[in-house]
C-alpha cells in the first residue's frame, strides 16, 4: 500500500499501476481489433482497385492492367519533373508516398486516440480492467492522447524502450506516458463490470448505500423482479405500455414492504436494483458451489 501512495502522491484515487501482463493482453486485443479494421479496409481497397483497373483499361486501350498502371505512374512522375524540375519533382513524389503511408496508418491512430480521449480506455483496456488517467488536474486532453499515441513508435521499437521504461518506473509508465503525464491504471471493479446485467457496478454500489435489502424478501418475489427486469431492460419486448407500468408498480410496491431506503427511489430504478441484487445473489451462490 505504501508503494501505491508514493505512486499517486497528490491524487485521491483507489488505483494501482496496470500489471504488465494485463497491458500486454489489452494490447493484443486492440491489435486484433485494429487488424480487423484493416482487413475490412483491404477489401474496400481491392474493390476500388478493380474499378481503377477498369478505368485504366478504358483510357489505355490494348495494354495490360500492369502496363496501364506503370504508364500512369510514369506520366505522373514526368509531369512533376517537367513542372517543378527533376529534384523538386522527386521531392514531391516522396511527399506523396509519405502522405499515403500516413493515410494507411491513420485508422489505427484514430482508434487509440479517440477511444482514450472519449472513454479513457480502448476496448482491450476495458476488457482487462485498465484505463488511462492524466497526472495533471482534469481529464485527458487531446494533446496528451496524441502525444502518447505517436510515441508508441518509440516504445515499440524492438519492444525494448517501452518495456524497459515500464520495468524501471514505480508508476509502470512507458515513454509515451512519461512524456504525456499519463498513467495506465488497473481497477478490479472495472474488469468485473461484465458481471452486472442491469446496472453498472458503480451505480449498483451507489444504490446499495441508499437501499438496505432485507433477507426477508420472498424468493418468489426476487425471481419475479429478475424476470421483469430482463423483459424490460434486456428483451424490451413489452407492447402494452399501460399494462407494463401497472405490473411494474405492483411488483415495486410489494418489494417496498421488505426494504429500507434512506430516500425516495424512482420505481424503475428500484426495479433495476432489486433485479440486480437477485442476479448478484445467484452469481455468489454459483461461485460458492464451484469452490466446493
Protein backbone atom coordinates (compact mmCIF):
# COMPACT_ATOMS: atom_id res chain seq x y z
CA UNK A 1 0.00 0.00 0.00
CA UNK A 2 2.86 2.33 0.76
CA UNK A 3 4.12 1.96 -2.78
CA UNK A 4 0.75 2.91 -4.20
CA UNK A 5 0.64 6.05 -2.04
CA UNK A 6 4.06 7.05 -3.38
CA UNK A 7 2.90 6.42 -6.94
CA UNK A 8 -0.21 8.53 -6.56
CA UNK A 9 1.14 11.38 -4.46
CA UNK A 10 -1.41 14.20 -4.53
CA UNK A 11 -4.10 12.04 -6.13
CA UNK A 12 -7.05 10.77 -4.13
CA UNK A 13 -7.55 7.62 -6.21
CA UNK A 14 -8.06 3.96 -5.43
CA UNK A 15 -5.98 2.81 -8.38
CA UNK A 16 -2.89 0.65 -8.83
CA UNK A 17 -0.49 0.77 -11.78
CA UNK A 18 -1.56 -1.59 -14.55
CA UNK A 19 0.16 -5.01 -14.34
CA UNK A 20 2.43 -5.64 -17.32
CA UNK A 21 0.66 -8.87 -18.33
CA UNK A 22 -2.73 -7.13 -18.45
CA UNK A 23 -1.25 -4.34 -20.58
CA UNK A 24 0.16 -6.92 -23.00
CA UNK A 25 -3.18 -8.76 -23.22
CA UNK A 26 -5.03 -5.46 -23.76
CA UNK A 27 -2.53 -4.59 -26.50
CA UNK A 28 -3.13 -7.95 -28.21
CA UNK A 29 -6.92 -7.48 -28.08
CA UNK A 30 -6.64 -3.96 -29.52
CA UNK A 31 -4.22 -5.25 -32.14
CA UNK A 32 -6.79 -7.84 -33.22
CA UNK A 33 -9.47 -5.14 -33.47
CA UNK A 34 -7.21 -2.85 -35.50
CA UNK A 35 -6.26 -5.84 -37.68
CA UNK A 36 -9.95 -6.46 -38.39
CA UNK A 37 -10.37 -2.78 -39.31
CA UNK A 38 -7.50 -3.05 -41.79
CA UNK A 39 -8.89 -6.29 -43.20
CA UNK A 40 -12.16 -4.51 -43.99
CA UNK A 41 -10.19 -1.56 -45.40
CA UNK A 42 -8.21 -4.00 -47.54
CA UNK A 43 -11.44 -5.37 -49.01
CA UNK A 44 -12.58 -1.82 -49.82
CA UNK A 45 -9.22 -1.06 -51.49
CA UNK A 46 -9.49 -4.22 -53.59
CA UNK A 47 -12.91 -3.12 -54.81
CA UNK A 48 -11.55 0.35 -55.61
CA UNK A 49 -8.57 -1.27 -57.34
CA UNK A 50 -10.84 -3.27 -59.60
CA UNK A 51 -12.73 -0.12 -60.60
CA UNK A 52 -9.44 1.75 -61.15
CA UNK A 53 -8.11 -1.05 -63.34
CA UNK A 54 -11.31 -0.95 -65.39
CA UNK A 55 -10.96 2.81 -65.86
CA UNK A 56 -7.27 2.50 -66.85
CA UNK A 57 -8.09 -0.23 -69.36
CA UNK A 58 -10.58 2.15 -70.98
CA UNK A 59 -8.12 5.09 -71.02
CA UNK A 60 -5.17 2.98 -72.27
CA UNK A 61 -6.74 0.55 -74.73
CA UNK A 62 -4.90 -2.54 -75.89
CA UNK A 63 -2.48 -2.78 -72.94
CA UNK A 64 -2.49 -4.97 -69.82
CA UNK A 65 -3.52 -3.56 -66.46
CA UNK A 66 0.07 -3.74 -65.16
CA UNK A 67 1.31 -1.79 -68.18
CA UNK A 68 -1.51 0.70 -67.70
CA UNK A 69 -0.54 1.30 -64.07
CA UNK A 70 3.17 1.67 -64.86
CA UNK A 71 2.40 4.04 -67.71
CA UNK A 72 0.06 6.04 -65.48
CA UNK A 73 2.70 6.38 -62.72
CA UNK A 74 5.36 7.27 -65.29
CA UNK A 75 3.16 10.03 -66.67
CA UNK A 76 2.64 11.44 -63.16
CA UNK A 77 6.40 11.38 -62.50
CA UNK A 78 7.21 13.07 -65.80
CA UNK A 79 4.53 15.69 -65.17
CA UNK A 80 6.09 16.60 -61.82
CA UNK A 81 9.59 16.64 -63.30
CA UNK A 82 8.50 18.82 -66.20
CA UNK A 83 6.62 21.23 -63.97
CA UNK A 84 8.94 21.56 -60.96
CA UNK A 85 12.29 20.26 -62.18
CA UNK A 86 13.77 16.79 -61.61
CA UNK A 87 14.97 17.29 -58.00
CA UNK A 88 11.83 19.05 -56.84
CA UNK A 89 9.65 16.54 -58.72
CA UNK A 90 11.36 13.69 -56.83
CA UNK A 91 10.71 15.50 -53.55
CA UNK A 92 7.02 15.86 -54.41
CA UNK A 93 6.82 12.12 -55.18
CA UNK A 94 8.49 11.34 -51.83
CA UNK A 95 5.99 13.56 -50.01
CA UNK A 96 3.12 11.84 -51.77
CA UNK A 97 4.45 8.47 -50.60
CA UNK A 98 4.64 9.78 -47.01
CA UNK A 99 1.07 11.07 -47.26
CA UNK A 100 -0.09 7.64 -48.46
CA UNK A 101 1.72 5.93 -45.56
CA UNK A 102 0.16 8.41 -43.12
CA UNK A 103 -3.32 7.76 -44.52
CA UNK A 104 -2.77 4.00 -44.20
CA UNK A 105 -1.77 4.37 -40.53
CA UNK A 106 -4.48 6.91 -39.74
CA UNK A 107 -7.28 4.42 -38.86
CA UNK A 108 -5.08 2.80 -36.21
CA UNK A 109 -4.12 6.15 -34.65
CA UNK A 110 -7.72 7.37 -34.70
CA UNK A 111 -8.86 4.21 -32.91
CA UNK A 112 -6.45 4.67 -29.99
CA UNK A 113 -6.67 8.46 -29.68
CA UNK A 114 -10.46 8.68 -29.96
CA UNK A 115 -11.16 5.79 -27.56
CA UNK A 116 -8.75 7.08 -24.91
CA UNK A 117 -9.87 10.70 -25.16
CA UNK A 118 -13.60 9.93 -25.11
CA UNK A 119 -13.67 6.94 -22.77
CA UNK A 120 -10.27 6.84 -21.09
CA UNK A 121 -9.74 3.32 -22.41
CA UNK A 122 -9.65 1.29 -25.59
CA UNK A 123 -11.80 -1.83 -25.96
CA UNK A 124 -8.84 -4.03 -25.00
CA UNK A 125 -8.13 -1.95 -21.89
CA UNK A 126 -11.80 -2.04 -20.90
CA UNK A 127 -11.88 -5.84 -21.10
CA UNK A 128 -8.77 -6.08 -18.93
CA UNK A 129 -9.99 -3.51 -16.39
CA UNK A 130 -7.44 -0.85 -17.44
CA UNK A 131 -7.86 2.85 -18.12
CA UNK A 132 -5.66 5.84 -18.89
CA UNK A 133 -5.72 8.79 -16.49
CA UNK A 134 -4.00 12.16 -16.50
CA UNK A 135 -1.46 13.01 -13.82
CA UNK A 136 -2.39 16.64 -14.38
CA UNK A 137 -5.56 18.03 -12.89
CA UNK A 138 -8.61 17.26 -15.00
CA UNK A 139 -9.46 14.66 -17.66
CA UNK A 140 -7.23 13.53 -20.51
CA UNK A 141 -6.68 16.18 -23.18
CA UNK A 142 -6.40 15.69 -26.93
CA UNK A 143 -2.73 16.66 -26.80
CA UNK A 144 -1.96 14.03 -24.14
CA UNK A 145 -3.70 11.30 -26.12
CA UNK A 146 -2.00 12.27 -29.39
CA UNK A 147 1.45 12.55 -27.79
CA UNK A 148 1.30 9.15 -26.06
CA UNK A 149 -0.03 7.60 -29.26
CA UNK A 150 2.74 8.83 -31.57
CA UNK A 151 5.43 7.95 -29.04
CA UNK A 152 4.15 4.39 -29.35
CA UNK A 153 6.59 4.05 -32.26
CA UNK A 154 9.46 4.73 -29.87
CA UNK A 155 8.06 2.42 -27.19
CA UNK A 156 7.52 -0.46 -29.60
CA UNK A 157 10.89 -0.19 -31.36
CA UNK A 158 12.11 -3.80 -30.93
CA UNK A 159 9.76 -3.76 -27.88
CA UNK A 160 12.66 -2.65 -25.70
CA UNK A 161 12.32 1.08 -24.87
CA UNK A 162 8.73 0.84 -23.65
CA UNK A 163 9.34 -2.39 -21.73
CA UNK A 164 12.46 -1.03 -20.03
CA UNK A 165 10.64 2.19 -19.14
CA UNK A 166 7.76 0.25 -17.56
CA UNK A 167 10.06 -2.04 -15.56
CA UNK A 168 12.16 0.85 -14.23
CA UNK A 169 9.20 3.08 -13.30
CA UNK A 170 7.30 2.88 -10.00
CA UNK A 171 4.26 4.11 -11.91
CA UNK A 172 4.77 1.49 -14.66
CA UNK A 173 4.87 4.20 -17.33
CA UNK A 174 6.11 3.72 -20.85
CA UNK A 175 7.93 6.59 -22.57
CA UNK A 176 4.68 7.89 -24.06
CA UNK A 177 3.09 8.01 -20.61
CA UNK A 178 6.06 9.88 -19.12
CA UNK A 179 6.05 12.48 -21.90
CA UNK A 180 2.26 12.99 -21.82
CA UNK A 181 1.96 12.86 -18.00
CA UNK A 182 -0.46 9.95 -18.17
CA UNK A 183 -0.78 6.69 -16.31
CA UNK A 184 -2.37 3.35 -17.18
CA UNK A 185 -4.15 2.05 -14.09
CA UNK A 186 -5.95 -1.13 -13.13
CA UNK A 187 -9.23 -1.42 -11.26
CA UNK A 188 -10.60 -4.84 -10.45
CA UNK A 189 -14.05 -3.25 -10.34
CA UNK A 190 -13.67 -2.17 -13.98
CA UNK A 191 -12.86 -5.72 -15.03
CA UNK A 192 -15.82 -7.11 -13.06
CA UNK A 193 -18.40 -4.80 -14.69
CA UNK A 194 -19.39 -7.53 -17.13
CA UNK A 195 -20.91 -9.45 -14.18
CA UNK A 196 -23.58 -6.78 -13.84
CA UNK A 197 -26.51 -7.19 -16.22
CA UNK A 198 -28.95 -4.38 -15.39
CA UNK A 199 -26.78 -1.74 -13.67
CA UNK A 200 -23.18 -0.71 -13.95
CA UNK A 201 -21.18 -1.74 -10.91
CA UNK A 202 -20.72 1.88 -9.89
CA UNK A 203 -24.48 2.55 -10.00
CA UNK A 204 -25.15 -0.65 -8.10
CA UNK A 205 -22.74 0.25 -5.30
CA UNK A 206 -24.20 3.75 -5.02
CA UNK A 207 -27.72 2.33 -4.82
CA UNK A 208 -26.56 -0.19 -2.23
CA UNK A 209 -25.55 2.68 0.03
CA UNK A 210 -29.10 4.06 -0.14
CA UNK A 211 -31.14 0.87 -0.12
CA UNK A 212 -30.85 -1.76 2.59
CA UNK A 213 -32.04 -5.13 1.34
CA UNK A 214 -33.61 -7.48 3.87
CA UNK A 215 -33.14 -11.24 3.62
CA UNK A 216 -36.84 -11.48 4.36
CA UNK A 217 -37.74 -10.68 0.75
CA UNK A 218 -39.52 -13.79 -0.53
CA UNK A 219 -37.54 -15.79 -3.07
CA UNK A 220 -40.51 -15.85 -5.42
CA UNK A 221 -40.64 -12.04 -5.44
CA UNK A 222 -36.92 -11.92 -6.16
CA UNK A 223 -37.46 -14.14 -9.19
CA UNK A 224 -40.35 -12.04 -10.45
CA UNK A 225 -38.16 -8.92 -10.17
CA UNK A 226 -35.44 -10.59 -12.18
CA UNK A 227 -37.82 -11.80 -14.86
CA UNK A 228 -39.48 -8.37 -15.07
CA UNK A 229 -36.16 -6.54 -15.37
CA UNK A 230 -34.96 -8.98 -18.02
CA UNK A 231 -38.10 -8.35 -20.08
CA UNK A 232 -37.88 -4.55 -19.73
CA UNK A 233 -34.15 -3.83 -19.86
CA UNK A 234 -32.78 -6.67 -21.99
CA UNK A 235 -35.51 -8.05 -24.30
CA UNK A 236 -37.55 -4.82 -24.39
CA UNK A 237 -40.49 -6.87 -25.63
CA UNK A 238 -43.40 -5.05 -23.98
CA UNK A 239 -46.06 -3.88 -26.43
CA UNK A 240 -48.72 -2.75 -23.93
CA UNK A 241 -47.10 0.16 -22.05
CA UNK A 242 -50.06 0.66 -19.70
CA UNK A 243 -50.09 -2.95 -18.50
CA UNK A 244 -46.30 -2.89 -18.28
CA UNK A 245 -46.32 0.15 -15.98
CA UNK A 246 -49.09 -1.24 -13.79
CA UNK A 247 -47.31 -4.56 -13.44
CA UNK A 248 -44.03 -2.85 -12.54
CA UNK A 249 -45.73 -0.63 -9.94
CA UNK A 250 -47.36 -3.68 -8.39
CA UNK A 251 -44.05 -5.52 -8.03
CA UNK A 252 -42.27 -2.44 -6.69
CA UNK A 253 -44.97 -1.85 -4.08
CA UNK A 254 -44.68 -5.47 -2.97
CA UNK A 255 -40.91 -5.11 -2.65
CA UNK A 256 -41.06 -1.84 -0.70
CA UNK A 257 -42.62 -3.72 2.22
CA UNK A 258 -39.37 -5.64 2.71
CA UNK A 259 -36.70 -2.96 2.15
CA UNK A 260 -35.40 0.11 3.89
CA UNK A 261 -34.40 3.17 1.88
CA UNK A 262 -32.82 6.38 3.14
CA UNK A 263 -34.59 8.34 0.42
CA UNK A 264 -37.30 8.03 -2.22
CA UNK A 265 -36.12 5.88 -5.14
CA UNK A 266 -37.83 6.04 -8.54
CA UNK A 267 -39.81 2.88 -9.34
CA UNK A 268 -37.85 1.73 -12.38
CA UNK A 269 -34.52 2.42 -10.63
CA UNK A 270 -35.66 0.35 -7.67
CA UNK A 271 -36.74 -2.46 -10.00
CA UNK A 272 -33.32 -2.44 -11.68
CA UNK A 273 -31.55 -2.53 -8.34
CA UNK A 274 -33.70 -5.31 -6.89
CA UNK A 275 -33.28 -7.39 -10.05
CA UNK A 276 -29.53 -6.78 -10.00
CA UNK A 277 -29.39 -7.74 -6.32
CA UNK A 278 -31.10 -11.00 -7.18
CA UNK A 279 -28.68 -11.53 -10.06
CA UNK A 280 -25.66 -10.96 -7.79
CA UNK A 281 -27.15 -13.31 -5.20
CA UNK A 282 -27.40 -16.05 -7.85
CA UNK A 283 -23.81 -15.40 -9.01
CA UNK A 284 -22.47 -15.67 -5.45
CA UNK A 285 -24.28 -18.96 -4.97
CA UNK A 286 -22.77 -20.30 -8.20
CA UNK A 287 -19.29 -19.18 -7.14
CA UNK A 288 -19.70 -20.85 -3.77
CA UNK A 289 -20.90 -24.04 -5.42
CA UNK A 290 -17.94 -24.04 -7.84
CA UNK A 291 -15.45 -23.57 -4.99
CA UNK A 292 -16.85 -26.67 -3.29
